[in-house]
Amino acid sequence: MKVIKFAVSVGLVFAVSLFLSFDSQKAWSAEQESYCFTCHTSAKELIRITREIAEANKGKPGASTEAEGGG
Protein backbone atom coordinates (compact mmCIF):
# COMPACT_ATOMS: atom_id res chain seq x y z
CA MET A 1 0.00 0.00 0.00
CA LYS A 2 2.89 2.36 0.81
CA VAL A 3 4.44 1.62 -2.57
CA ILE A 4 1.23 2.58 -4.40
CA LYS A 5 0.89 5.84 -2.45
CA PHE A 6 4.53 6.65 -3.15
CA ALA A 7 4.15 5.92 -6.87
CA VAL A 8 0.99 8.05 -7.11
CA SER A 9 2.62 10.96 -5.26
CA VAL A 10 5.75 10.79 -7.45
CA GLY A 11 3.58 10.67 -10.56
CA LEU A 12 1.54 13.64 -9.36
CA VAL A 13 4.66 15.68 -8.60
CA PHE A 14 6.06 14.80 -12.03
CA ALA A 15 2.82 15.78 -13.79
CA VAL A 16 2.58 19.12 -11.97
CA SER A 17 6.22 19.99 -12.64
CA LEU A 18 5.82 19.05 -16.31
CA PHE A 19 2.72 21.24 -16.58
CA LEU A 20 4.45 24.20 -14.93
CA SER A 21 7.54 23.91 -17.11
CA PHE A 22 5.47 24.01 -20.32
CA ASP A 23 3.38 26.88 -18.98
CA SER A 24 6.44 28.98 -18.12
CA GLN A 25 7.88 28.32 -21.60
CA LYS A 26 4.77 29.87 -23.17
CA ALA A 27 5.02 32.91 -20.93
CA TRP A 28 8.74 33.30 -21.66
CA SER A 29 8.24 33.21 -25.42
CA ALA A 30 5.33 35.65 -25.22
CA GLU A 31 7.52 38.19 -23.43
CA GLN A 32 9.95 38.39 -26.34
CA GLU A 33 9.05 40.95 -28.98
CA SER A 34 9.07 39.90 -32.58
CA TYR A 35 10.95 41.90 -35.19
CA CYS A 36 7.74 42.50 -37.18
CA PHE A 37 5.90 43.88 -34.17
CA THR A 38 8.76 46.25 -33.34
CA CYS A 39 8.99 47.73 -36.85
CA HIS A 40 5.30 47.90 -37.64
CA THR A 41 4.34 49.73 -34.46
CA SER A 42 7.04 52.40 -34.66
CA ALA A 43 5.97 55.46 -36.67
CA LYS A 44 9.59 56.44 -37.26
CA GLU A 45 10.44 53.01 -38.70
CA LEU A 46 7.30 52.96 -40.86
CA ILE A 47 8.16 56.35 -42.36
CA ARG A 48 11.73 55.25 -43.05
CA ILE A 49 10.62 52.00 -44.67
CA THR A 50 7.99 53.78 -46.77
CA ARG A 51 10.59 56.25 -48.05
CA GLU A 52 12.98 53.40 -48.91
CA ILE A 53 10.24 51.62 -50.88
CA ALA A 54 9.28 54.83 -52.70
CA GLU A 55 12.93 55.44 -53.61
CA ALA A 56 13.33 51.87 -54.86
CA ASN A 57 10.18 52.14 -57.00
CA LYS A 58 11.14 55.53 -58.45
CA GLY A 59 10.86 55.47 -62.24
CA LYS A 60 8.81 52.27 -62.34
CA PRO A 61 5.37 52.60 -63.89
CA GLY A 62 2.64 52.58 -61.28
CA ALA A 63 -0.98 51.60 -61.46
CA SER A 64 -3.38 53.81 -63.38
CA THR A 65 -5.23 56.41 -61.37
CA GLU A 66 -8.38 55.61 -63.36
CA ALA A 67 -10.29 52.43 -62.71
CA GLU A 68 -11.74 50.51 -65.64
CA GLY A 69 -15.43 49.81 -65.77
CA GLY A 70 -18.18 50.78 -63.46
CA GLY A 71 -19.12 49.33 -60.23
Foldseek 3Di string as FASTA:
>chain_A
DVVVVVVVVVVVVVVVVVVVVVVVVVVVVVPDDDPCVVQVVDPVNVVVVVVVVCVVCPPPDDDDPDDPDDD
